[in-house]
């Protein structure tokens, strides 16, 4: 039986698209309900066992769809990925919508442990499941040279969320360092001589060999895949959140000492790599098992 997907479009780095890919690796067929009209939607639901919901709007329409799936015997799992939590923490109407949806949800899963604890006082009980990572890279072989480039993801649609002001301060303060910025389709920092602005990158295979450190000074986050992917490649990470294998820093003055430390290091981040691999071991199997246990 198929797993249904709904709540957001399957575009670029959409979390729902990542779950679709992870389920495909496990041989699970999926249907994206937002691609179909009502009759096809119901027909798909009648042949499904469960469904994954990722949504930010918490609309009445989404609640109605979750309720209909429940009546049709389809168990809905809601996955919390970051900005969705922030919205219900800051907007009363959005929280009310989320609680209405929750009446029809069989289980909630969050991509970071601190999100689980943040959801509880809001009336939503969730379990922790790490962000899905496809094509986990092989361990970094011994003998390679640690690259000196610094990688930053800067989302075009919300510069403030991704810490653009902090990033610009760090870039300005380190004119001799090489920064690689991905995701920014406006190339807003490309005028800096020490910045390579890649825009949107579908395949990071050309970028990773150039960088040994990732900066992630976000205002808020779930569990960003770039952090996990960096750790899996034994790269160092300065992250505004708390996560094993990472250095913690959010403001420019907190980040700078770690940049200086990184520049004097010769070994890869083997401890971070081990912790990330242990966390993501059998993650696809865990996703399927969690859906089947509902």
C-alpha atoms as a PDB file:
ATOM      1  CA  UNK A   1       0.000   0.000   0.000  1.00  0.00           C
ATOM      2  CA  UNK A   2       1.165   3.524  -0.808  1.00  0.00           C
ATOM      3  CA  UNK A   3       2.023   6.376   1.512  1.00  0.00           C
ATOM      4  CA  UNK A   4       0.293   9.664   0.753  1.00  0.00           C
ATOM      5  CA  UNK A   5       2.050  13.037   0.874  1.00  0.00           C
ATOM      6  CA  UNK A   6       0.302  16.380   1.321  1.00  0.00           C
ATOM      7  CA  UNK A   7       0.588  19.883   2.719  1.00  0.00           C
ATOM      8  CA  UNK A   8       3.317  21.490   0.575  1.00  0.00           C
ATOM      9  CA  UNK A   9       4.529  21.381  -3.055  1.00  0.00           C
ATOM     10  CA  UNK A  10       7.303  18.956  -3.984  1.00  0.00           C
ATOM     11  CA  UNK A  11       9.786  21.671  -4.948  1.00  0.00           C
ATOM     12  CA  UNK A  12      13.555  21.960  -4.602  1.00  0.00           C
ATOM     13  CA  UNK A  13      14.522  21.516  -0.951  1.00  0.00           C
ATOM     14  CA  UNK A  14      10.986  20.919   0.350  1.00  0.00           C
ATOM     15  CA  UNK A  15      11.079  18.539   3.353  1.00  0.00           C
ATOM     16  CA  UNK A  16       8.172  16.571   1.899  1.00  0.00           C
ATOM     17  CA  UNK A  17      10.259  15.868  -1.204  1.00  0.00           C
ATOM     18  CA  UNK A  18      13.062  14.538   1.012  1.00  0.00           C
ATOM     19  CA  UNK A  19      10.637  12.175   2.755  1.00  0.00           C
ATOM     20  CA  UNK A  20       9.385  11.011  -0.636  1.00  0.00           C
ATOM     21  CA  UNK A  21      12.945  10.198  -1.719  1.00  0.00           C
ATOM     22  CA  UNK A  22      13.714   8.370   1.522  1.00  0.00           C
ATOM     23  CA  UNK A  23      10.584   6.250   1.221  1.00  0.00           C
ATOM     24  CA  UNK A  24      11.456   5.448  -2.404  1.00  0.00           C
ATOM     25  CA  UNK A  25      14.835   4.130  -1.212  1.00  0.00           C
ATOM     26  CA  UNK A  26      12.884   1.749   1.035  1.00  0.00           C
ATOM     27  CA  UNK A  27      10.683   0.585  -1.839  1.00  0.00           C
ATOM     28  CA  UNK A  28       7.614   2.484  -0.614  1.00  0.00           C
ATOM     29  CA  UNK A  29       5.413   3.955  -3.340  1.00  0.00           C
ATOM     30  CA  UNK A  30       4.024   7.450  -2.701  1.00  0.00           C
ATOM     31  CA  UNK A  31       1.284   9.698  -4.085  1.00  0.00           C
ATOM     32  CA  UNK A  32       1.369  13.483  -3.726  1.00  0.00           C
ATOM     33  CA  UNK A  33      -2.247  14.411  -3.062  1.00  0.00           C
ATOM     34  CA  UNK A  34      -1.828  18.078  -3.986  1.00  0.00           C
ATOM     35  CA  UNK A  35      -1.298  16.969  -7.595  1.00  0.00           C
ATOM     36  CA  UNK A  36      -4.810  15.510  -7.939  1.00  0.00           C
ATOM     37  CA  UNK A  37      -8.457  16.561  -8.048  1.00  0.00           C
ATOM     38  CA  UNK A  38     -10.930  15.490  -5.362  1.00  0.00           C
ATOM     39  CA  UNK A  39     -12.093  12.220  -6.967  1.00  0.00           C
ATOM     40  CA  UNK A  40      -8.544  11.022  -7.668  1.00  0.00           C
ATOM     41  CA  UNK A  41      -7.595  12.213  -4.191  1.00  0.00           C
ATOM     42  CA  UNK A  42     -10.220   9.983  -2.577  1.00  0.00           C
ATOM     43  CA  UNK A  43      -9.333   7.049  -4.838  1.00  0.00           C
ATOM     44  CA  UNK A  44      -5.695   7.333  -3.788  1.00  0.00           C
ATOM     45  CA  UNK A  45      -6.710   7.499  -0.139  1.00  0.00           C
ATOM     46  CA  UNK A  46      -8.725   4.288  -0.406  1.00  0.00           C
ATOM     47  CA  UNK A  47      -5.584   2.382  -1.402  1.00  0.00           C
ATOM     48  CA  UNK A  48      -3.258   3.941   1.194  1.00  0.00           C
ATOM     49  CA  UNK A  49      -2.261   2.890   4.687  1.00  0.00           C
ATOM     50  CA  UNK A  50      -0.760   6.124   5.977  1.00  0.00           C
ATOM     51  CA  UNK A  51       0.078   9.695   5.012  1.00  0.00           C
ATOM     52  CA  UNK A  52       2.770  12.279   5.743  1.00  0.00           C
ATOM     53  CA  UNK A  53       1.791  15.898   6.308  1.00  0.00           C
ATOM     54  CA  UNK A  54       4.183  18.860   6.239  1.00  0.00           C
ATOM     55  CA  UNK A  55       2.437  22.211   6.394  1.00  0.00           C
ATOM     56  CA  UNK A  56       3.072  25.777   7.502  1.00  0.00           C
ATOM     57  CA  UNK A  57      -0.377  27.297   6.970  1.00  0.00           C
ATOM     58  CA  UNK A  58      -2.413  25.155   9.407  1.00  0.00           C
ATOM     59  CA  UNK A  59      -5.513  26.030   7.395  1.00  0.00           C
ATOM     60  CA  UNK A  60      -9.056  24.725   7.844  1.00  0.00           C
ATOM     61  CA  UNK A  61      -8.690  23.087   4.422  1.00  0.00           C
ATOM     62  CA  UNK A  62      -5.715  21.057   5.643  1.00  0.00           C
ATOM     63  CA  UNK A  63      -7.627  20.055   8.778  1.00  0.00           C
ATOM     64  CA  UNK A  64     -10.565  18.935   6.642  1.00  0.00           C
ATOM     65  CA  UNK A  65      -8.314  16.800   4.467  1.00  0.00           C
ATOM     66  CA  UNK A  66      -6.686  15.229   7.527  1.00  0.00           C
ATOM     67  CA  UNK A  67     -10.156  14.517   8.956  1.00  0.00           C
ATOM     68  CA  UNK A  68     -11.286  12.892   5.712  1.00  0.00           C
ATOM     69  CA  UNK A  69      -8.205  10.681   5.599  1.00  0.00           C
ATOM     70  CA  UNK A  70      -8.872   9.624   9.175  1.00  0.00           C
ATOM     71  CA  UNK A  71     -12.465   8.673   8.279  1.00  0.00           C
ATOM     72  CA  UNK A  72     -11.140   6.664   5.335  1.00  0.00           C
ATOM     73  CA  UNK A  73      -8.851   4.708   7.659  1.00  0.00           C
ATOM     74  CA  UNK A  74      -5.612   6.437   6.637  1.00  0.00           C
ATOM     75  CA  UNK A  75      -3.345   7.309   9.567  1.00  0.00           C
ATOM     76  CA  UNK A  76      -1.758  10.745   9.223  1.00  0.00           C
ATOM     77  CA  UNK A  77       1.738  11.510  10.525  1.00  0.00           C
ATOM     78  CA  UNK A  78       2.616  15.176  10.834  1.00  0.00           C
ATOM     79  CA  UNK A  79       6.301  16.031  10.505  1.00  0.00           C
ATOM     80  CA  UNK A  80       7.564  19.253  12.134  1.00  0.00           C
ATOM     81  CA  UNK A  81      10.613  20.679  10.389  1.00  0.00           C
ATOM     82  CA  UNK A  82      11.428  24.143  11.821  1.00  0.00           C
ATOM     83  CA  UNK A  83       9.561  27.222  10.569  1.00  0.00           C
ATOM     84  CA  UNK A  84       6.230  25.474  11.163  1.00  0.00           C
ATOM     85  CA  UNK A  85       7.000  25.378  14.895  1.00  0.00           C
ATOM     86  CA  UNK A  86       8.041  29.042  14.937  1.00  0.00           C
ATOM     87  CA  UNK A  87       4.732  30.050  13.326  1.00  0.00           C
ATOM     88  CA  UNK A  88       2.574  28.378  15.966  1.00  0.00           C
ATOM     89  CA  UNK A  89       4.779  29.835  18.718  1.00  0.00           C
ATOM     90  CA  UNK A  90       4.259  33.384  17.465  1.00  0.00           C
ATOM     91  CA  UNK A  91       0.774  33.378  15.892  1.00  0.00           C
ATOM     92  CA  UNK A  92      -2.240  32.449  18.019  1.00  0.00           C
ATOM     93  CA  UNK A  93      -4.488  31.779  15.020  1.00  0.00           C
ATOM     94  CA  UNK A  94      -1.887  29.468  13.486  1.00  0.00           C
ATOM     95  CA  UNK A  95      -1.606  27.557  16.771  1.00  0.00           C
ATOM     96  CA  UNK A  96      -5.388  27.137  16.860  1.00  0.00           C
ATOM     97  CA  UNK A  97      -5.266  25.748  13.322  1.00  0.00           C
ATOM     98  CA  UNK A  98      -2.470  23.354  14.258  1.00  0.00           C
ATOM     99  CA  UNK A  99      -4.431  22.064  17.250  1.00  0.00           C
ATOM    100  CA  UNK A 100      -7.462  21.472  15.022  1.00  0.00           C
ATOM    101  CA  UNK A 101      -5.300  19.495  12.582  1.00  0.00           C
ATOM    102  CA  UNK A 102      -3.826  17.578  15.506  1.00  0.00           C
ATOM    103  CA  UNK A 103      -7.264  16.157  16.345  1.00  0.00           C
ATOM    104  CA  UNK A 104      -7.006  14.091  13.157  1.00  0.00           C
ATOM    105  CA  UNK A 105      -3.296  13.191  13.334  1.00  0.00           C
ATOM    106  CA  UNK A 106      -2.198   9.746  14.518  1.00  0.00           C
ATOM    107  CA  UNK A 107       1.373  10.813  15.381  1.00  0.00           C
ATOM    108  CA  UNK A 108       3.662  13.855  15.324  1.00  0.00           C
ATOM    109  CA  UNK A 109       7.379  13.669  14.549  1.00  0.00           C
ATOM    110  CA  UNK A 110       9.944  16.463  14.924  1.00  0.00           C
ATOM    111  CA  UNK A 111      13.369  16.617  13.271  1.00  0.00           C
ATOM    112  CA  UNK A 112      15.196  17.880  16.378  1.00  0.00           C
ATOM    113  CA  UNK A 113      14.951  16.927  20.072  1.00  0.00           C
ATOM    114  CA  UNK A 114      14.470  20.531  21.210  1.00  0.00           C
ATOM    115  CA  UNK A 115      11.467  20.810  18.892  1.00  0.00           C
ATOM    116  CA  UNK A 116       9.826  17.893  20.721  1.00  0.00           C
ATOM    117  CA  UNK A 117      10.182  19.715  24.045  1.00  0.00           C
ATOM    118  CA  UNK A 118       8.958  22.990  22.482  1.00  0.00           C
ATOM    119  CA  UNK A 119       5.794  21.392  21.078  1.00  0.00           C
ATOM    120  CA  UNK A 120       4.713  19.792  24.374  1.00  0.00           C
ATOM    121  CA  UNK A 121       3.642  22.992  26.218  1.00  0.00           C
ATOM    122  CA  UNK A 122       1.674  23.989  23.113  1.00  0.00           C
ATOM    123  CA  UNK A 123      -0.464  20.864  23.460  1.00  0.00           C
ATOM    124  CA  UNK A 124       1.191  18.736  20.787  1.00  0.00           C
ATOM    125  CA  UNK A 125       2.981  15.515  21.710  1.00  0.00           C
ATOM    126  CA  UNK A 126       5.731  14.516  19.278  1.00  0.00           C
ATOM    127  CA  UNK A 127       8.535  12.004  18.899  1.00  0.00           C
ATOM    128  CA  UNK A 128      12.011  12.663  17.506  1.00  0.00           C
ATOM    129  CA  UNK A 129      12.971  11.456  14.009  1.00  0.00           C
ATOM    130  CA  UNK A 130      16.071  12.945  12.312  1.00  0.00           C
ATOM    131  CA  UNK A 131      15.855  14.799   9.005  1.00  0.00           C
ATOM    132  CA  UNK A 132      16.057  12.455   6.022  1.00  0.00           C
ATOM    133  CA  UNK A 133      19.370  12.333   4.172  1.00  0.00           C
ATOM    134  CA  UNK A 134      19.626  10.676   0.776  1.00  0.00           C
ATOM    135  CA  UNK A 135      22.793   9.127  -0.620  1.00  0.00           C
ATOM    136  CA  UNK A 136      24.796   9.235   2.593  1.00  0.00           C
ATOM    137  CA  UNK A 137      28.419   9.757   1.506  1.00  0.00           C
ATOM    138  CA  UNK A 138      31.158   7.252   2.181  1.00  0.00           C
ATOM    139  CA  UNK A 139      33.450   8.084   5.117  1.00  0.00           C
ATOM    140  CA  UNK A 140      36.118  10.665   4.302  1.00  0.00           C
ATOM    141  CA  UNK A 141      39.290   8.642   3.642  1.00  0.00           C
ATOM    142  CA  UNK A 142      42.449   9.275   5.670  1.00  0.00           C
ATOM    143  CA  UNK A 143      45.221  11.290   4.064  1.00  0.00           C
ATOM    144  CA  UNK A 144      43.020  13.929   2.434  1.00  0.00           C
ATOM    145  CA  UNK A 145      43.771  17.594   3.027  1.00  0.00           C
ATOM    146  CA  UNK A 146      41.179  19.589   4.964  1.00  0.00           C
ATOM    147  CA  UNK A 147      39.826  22.275   2.583  1.00  0.00           C
ATOM    148  CA  UNK A 148      39.950  25.852   3.856  1.00  0.00           C
ATOM    149  CA  UNK A 149      36.813  27.204   2.198  1.00  0.00           C
ATOM    150  CA  UNK A 150      33.809  28.219   4.326  1.00  0.00           C
ATOM    151  CA  UNK A 151      30.309  27.198   3.198  1.00  0.00           C
ATOM    152  CA  UNK A 152      27.129  29.153   3.949  1.00  0.00           C
ATOM    153  CA  UNK A 153      23.506  28.549   2.935  1.00  0.00           C
ATOM    154  CA  UNK A 154      21.607  31.814   2.411  1.00  0.00           C
ATOM    155  CA  UNK A 155      17.969  31.334   1.417  1.00  0.00           C
ATOM    156  CA  UNK A 156      16.731  33.916  -1.079  1.00  0.00           C
ATOM    157  CA  UNK A 157      13.235  34.281   0.363  1.00  0.00           C
ATOM    158  CA  UNK A 158      14.189  35.086   3.947  1.00  0.00           C
ATOM    159  CA  UNK A 159      17.584  36.701   4.425  1.00  0.00           C
ATOM    160  CA  UNK A 160      16.851  37.582   8.049  1.00  0.00           C
ATOM    161  CA  UNK A 161      16.054  33.976   8.961  1.00  0.00           C
ATOM    162  CA  UNK A 162      19.383  32.748   7.587  1.00  0.00           C
ATOM    163  CA  UNK A 163      21.373  35.481   9.328  1.00  0.00           C
ATOM    164  CA  UNK A 164      22.444  37.566   6.355  1.00  0.00           C
ATOM    165  CA  UNK A 165      23.574  40.496   8.502  1.00  0.00           C
ATOM    166  CA  UNK A 166      25.786  38.198  10.575  1.00  0.00           C
ATOM    167  CA  UNK A 167      27.127  36.519   7.442  1.00  0.00           C
ATOM    168  CA  UNK A 168      28.015  39.888   5.906  1.00  0.00           C
ATOM    169  CA  UNK A 169      29.830  40.912   9.101  1.00  0.00           C
ATOM    170  CA  UNK A 170      31.849  37.686   9.073  1.00  0.00           C
ATOM    171  CA  UNK A 171      32.700  37.982   5.369  1.00  0.00           C
ATOM    172  CA  UNK A 172      33.798  41.605   5.846  1.00  0.00           C
ATOM    173  CA  UNK A 173      35.950  40.754   8.884  1.00  0.00           C
ATOM    174  CA  UNK A 174      37.765  37.941   7.043  1.00  0.00           C
ATOM    175  CA  UNK A 175      38.855  39.330   3.665  1.00  0.00           C
ATOM    176  CA  UNK A 176      41.598  36.691   3.306  1.00  0.00           C
ATOM    177  CA  UNK A 177      39.180  33.777   3.831  1.00  0.00           C
ATOM    178  CA  UNK A 178      37.290  32.075   0.982  1.00  0.00           C
ATOM    179  CA  UNK A 179      33.505  31.928   1.396  1.00  0.00           C
ATOM    180  CA  UNK A 180      31.160  29.821  -0.740  1.00  0.00           C
ATOM    181  CA  UNK A 181      27.511  30.865  -0.579  1.00  0.00           C
ATOM    182  CA  UNK A 182      24.783  28.585  -1.930  1.00  0.00           C
ATOM    183  CA  UNK A 183      21.027  29.076  -2.197  1.00  0.00           C
ATOM    184  CA  UNK A 184      21.053  32.840  -2.807  1.00  0.00           C
ATOM    185  CA  UNK A 185      19.577  33.221  -6.269  1.00  0.00           C
ATOM    186  CA  UNK A 186      19.949  37.008  -6.047  1.00  0.00           C
ATOM    187  CA  UNK A 187      23.715  36.670  -5.451  1.00  0.00           C
ATOM    188  CA  UNK A 188      23.402  39.467  -2.895  1.00  0.00           C
ATOM    189  CA  UNK A 189      26.956  39.080  -1.542  1.00  0.00           C
ATOM    190  CA  UNK A 190      28.685  38.299  -4.838  1.00  0.00           C
ATOM    191  CA  UNK A 191      30.347  41.732  -4.928  1.00  0.00           C
ATOM    192  CA  UNK A 192      32.707  40.718  -2.101  1.00  0.00           C
ATOM    193  CA  UNK A 193      36.028  39.572  -3.603  1.00  0.00           C
ATOM    194  CA  UNK A 194      36.315  36.706  -1.102  1.00  0.00           C
ATOM    195  CA  UNK A 195      32.846  35.296  -1.940  1.00  0.00           C
ATOM    196  CA  UNK A 196      31.953  32.697  -4.544  1.00  0.00           C
ATOM    197  CA  UNK A 197      28.178  32.903  -4.994  1.00  0.00           C
ATOM    198  CA  UNK A 198      26.842  29.637  -6.444  1.00  0.00           C
ATOM    199  CA  UNK A 199      23.136  30.475  -6.477  1.00  0.00           C
ATOM    200  CA  UNK A 200      20.834  27.500  -6.237  1.00  0.00           C
ATOM    201  CA  UNK A 201      22.797  24.229  -6.391  1.00  0.00           C
ATOM    202  CA  UNK A 202      21.046  20.956  -7.173  1.00  0.00           C
ATOM    203  CA  UNK A 203      24.144  18.816  -6.738  1.00  0.00           C
ATOM    204  CA  UNK A 204      26.755  19.841  -4.170  1.00  0.00           C
ATOM    205  CA  UNK A 205      29.467  17.496  -5.466  1.00  0.00           C
ATOM    206  CA  UNK A 206      31.452  20.422  -6.903  1.00  0.00           C
ATOM    207  CA  UNK A 207      31.168  22.463  -3.711  1.00  0.00           C
ATOM    208  CA  UNK A 208      32.057  20.037  -0.905  1.00  0.00           C
ATOM    209  CA  UNK A 209      35.698  19.459  -1.985  1.00  0.00           C
ATOM    210  CA  UNK A 210      36.313  23.208  -1.618  1.00  0.00           C
ATOM    211  CA  UNK A 211      35.026  23.654   1.956  1.00  0.00           C
ATOM    212  CA  UNK A 212      35.991  22.411   5.397  1.00  0.00           C
ATOM    213  CA  UNK A 213      33.734  24.576   7.570  1.00  0.00           C
ATOM    214  CA  UNK A 214      29.987  25.323   7.450  1.00  0.00           C
ATOM    215  CA  UNK A 215      28.435  28.404   9.070  1.00  0.00           C
ATOM    216  CA  UNK A 216      24.753  28.187  10.012  1.00  0.00           C
ATOM    217  CA  UNK A 217      23.823  31.360  11.981  1.00  0.00           C
ATOM    218  CA  UNK A 218      20.061  31.020  11.585  1.00  0.00           C
ATOM    219  CA  UNK A 219      17.545  32.776  13.831  1.00  0.00           C
ATOM    220  CA  UNK A 220      15.731  29.452  14.231  1.00  0.00           C
ATOM    221  CA  UNK A 221      15.999  26.016  12.707  1.00  0.00           C
ATOM    222  CA  UNK A 222      14.782  22.457  12.820  1.00  0.00           C
ATOM    223  CA  UNK A 223      17.625  20.103  11.995  1.00  0.00           C
ATOM    224  CA  UNK A 224      19.070  21.430   8.734  1.00  0.00           C
ATOM    225  CA  UNK A 225      20.203  18.797   6.272  1.00  0.00           C
ATOM    226  CA  UNK A 226      23.278  20.842   5.372  1.00  0.00           C
ATOM    227  CA  UNK A 227      24.528  20.496   8.962  1.00  0.00           C
ATOM    228  CA  UNK A 228      24.048  16.731   8.862  1.00  0.00           C
ATOM    229  CA  UNK A 229      25.629  16.449   5.412  1.00  0.00           C
ATOM    230  CA  UNK A 230      28.632  18.489   6.563  1.00  0.00           C
ATOM    231  CA  UNK A 231      29.149  16.269   9.601  1.00  0.00           C
ATOM    232  CA  UNK A 232      28.821  13.137   7.462  1.00  0.00           C
ATOM    233  CA  UNK A 233      31.703  14.517   5.387  1.00  0.00           C
ATOM    234  CA  UNK A 234      33.739  15.211   8.548  1.00  0.00           C
ATOM    235  CA  UNK A 235      33.491  18.962   8.029  1.00  0.00           C
ATOM    236  CA  UNK A 236      33.389  21.397  10.920  1.00  0.00           C
ATOM    237  CA  UNK A 237      30.175  23.285  11.652  1.00  0.00           C
ATOM    238  CA  UNK A 238      29.382  26.476  13.556  1.00  0.00           C
ATOM    239  CA  UNK A 239      25.658  26.245  14.253  1.00  0.00           C
ATOM    240  CA  UNK A 240      23.243  28.548  16.048  1.00  0.00           C
ATOM    241  CA  UNK A 241      21.529  25.490  17.519  1.00  0.00           C
ATOM    242  CA  UNK A 242      22.862  22.879  19.901  1.00  0.00           C
ATOM    243  CA  UNK A 243      23.892  19.658  18.193  1.00  0.00           C
ATOM    244  CA  UNK A 244      26.562  17.001  18.841  1.00  0.00           C
ATOM    245  CA  UNK A 245      29.704  17.431  16.756  1.00  0.00           C
ATOM    246  CA  UNK A 246      29.089  21.152  16.123  1.00  0.00           C
ATOM    247  CA  UNK A 247      30.513  24.349  17.569  1.00  0.00           C
ATOM    248  CA  UNK A 248      27.827  26.692  18.891  1.00  0.00           C
ATOM    249  CA  UNK A 249      27.731  30.279  17.653  1.00  0.00           C
ATOM    250  CA  UNK A 250      25.083  32.674  16.395  1.00  0.00           C
ATOM    251  CA  UNK A 251      26.557  36.193  16.438  1.00  0.00           C
ATOM    252  CA  UNK A 252      29.615  37.313  14.485  1.00  0.00           C
ATOM    253  CA  UNK A 253      31.697  37.699  17.656  1.00  0.00           C
ATOM    254  CA  UNK A 254      30.798  34.126  18.670  1.00  0.00           C
ATOM    255  CA  UNK A 255      31.609  32.701  15.241  1.00  0.00           C
ATOM    256  CA  UNK A 256      34.979  34.384  14.708  1.00  0.00           C
ATOM    257  CA  UNK A 257      36.984  32.365  17.296  1.00  0.00           C
ATOM    258  CA  UNK A 258      35.865  29.144  15.648  1.00  0.00           C
ATOM    259  CA  UNK A 259      36.928  30.392  12.204  1.00  0.00           C
ATOM    260  CA  UNK A 260      40.349  31.207  13.657  1.00  0.00           C
ATOM    261  CA  UNK A 261      40.543  27.782  15.313  1.00  0.00           C
ATOM    262  CA  UNK A 262      39.482  26.023  12.106  1.00  0.00           C
ATOM    263  CA  UNK A 263      42.224  27.730  10.125  1.00  0.00           C
ATOM    264  CA  UNK A 264      44.863  26.137  12.363  1.00  0.00           C
ATOM    265  CA  UNK A 265      43.412  22.631  12.229  1.00  0.00           C
ATOM    266  CA  UNK A 266      44.752  19.886   9.993  1.00  0.00           C
ATOM    267  CA  UNK A 267      42.493  16.960  10.901  1.00  0.00           C
ATOM    268  CA  UNK A 268      38.914  16.459   9.726  1.00  0.00           C
ATOM    269  CA  UNK A 269      36.007  16.512  12.187  1.00  0.00           C
ATOM    270  CA  UNK A 270      36.037  12.762  12.816  1.00  0.00           C
ATOM    271  CA  UNK A 271      34.076  13.013  16.059  1.00  0.00           C
ATOM    272  CA  UNK A 272      31.245  14.885  14.346  1.00  0.00           C
ATOM    273  CA  UNK A 273      31.277  12.371  11.511  1.00  0.00           C
ATOM    274  CA  UNK A 274      30.933   9.429  13.903  1.00  0.00           C
ATOM    275  CA  UNK A 275      28.066  11.053  15.767  1.00  0.00           C
ATOM    276  CA  UNK A 276      26.162  11.907  12.575  1.00  0.00           C
ATOM    277  CA  UNK A 277      26.567   8.391  11.173  1.00  0.00           C
ATOM    278  CA  UNK A 278      25.343   6.872  14.429  1.00  0.00           C
ATOM    279  CA  UNK A 279      22.324   9.193  14.410  1.00  0.00           C
ATOM    280  CA  UNK A 280      21.370   8.423  10.798  1.00  0.00           C
ATOM    281  CA  UNK A 281      22.055   4.686  10.908  1.00  0.00           C
ATOM    282  CA  UNK A 282      19.080   2.902   9.317  1.00  0.00           C
ATOM    283  CA  UNK A 283      17.131   6.198   9.161  1.00  0.00           C
ATOM    284  CA  UNK A 284      15.026   5.028   6.213  1.00  0.00           C
ATOM    285  CA  UNK A 285      14.050   1.846   8.017  1.00  0.00           C
ATOM    286  CA  UNK A 286      13.224   3.896  11.122  1.00  0.00           C
ATOM    287  CA  UNK A 287      10.955   6.186   9.076  1.00  0.00           C
ATOM    288  CA  UNK A 288       9.003   3.267   7.611  1.00  0.00           C
ATOM    289  CA  UNK A 289       8.805   1.533  10.990  1.00  0.00           C
ATOM    290  CA  UNK A 290       7.529   4.714  12.666  1.00  0.00           C
ATOM    291  CA  UNK A 291       4.786   5.091  10.047  1.00  0.00           C
ATOM    292  CA  UNK A 292       3.785   1.440  10.357  1.00  0.00           C
ATOM    293  CA  UNK A 293       3.572   1.624  14.159  1.00  0.00           C
ATOM    294  CA  UNK A 294       0.868   4.316  14.102  1.00  0.00           C
END
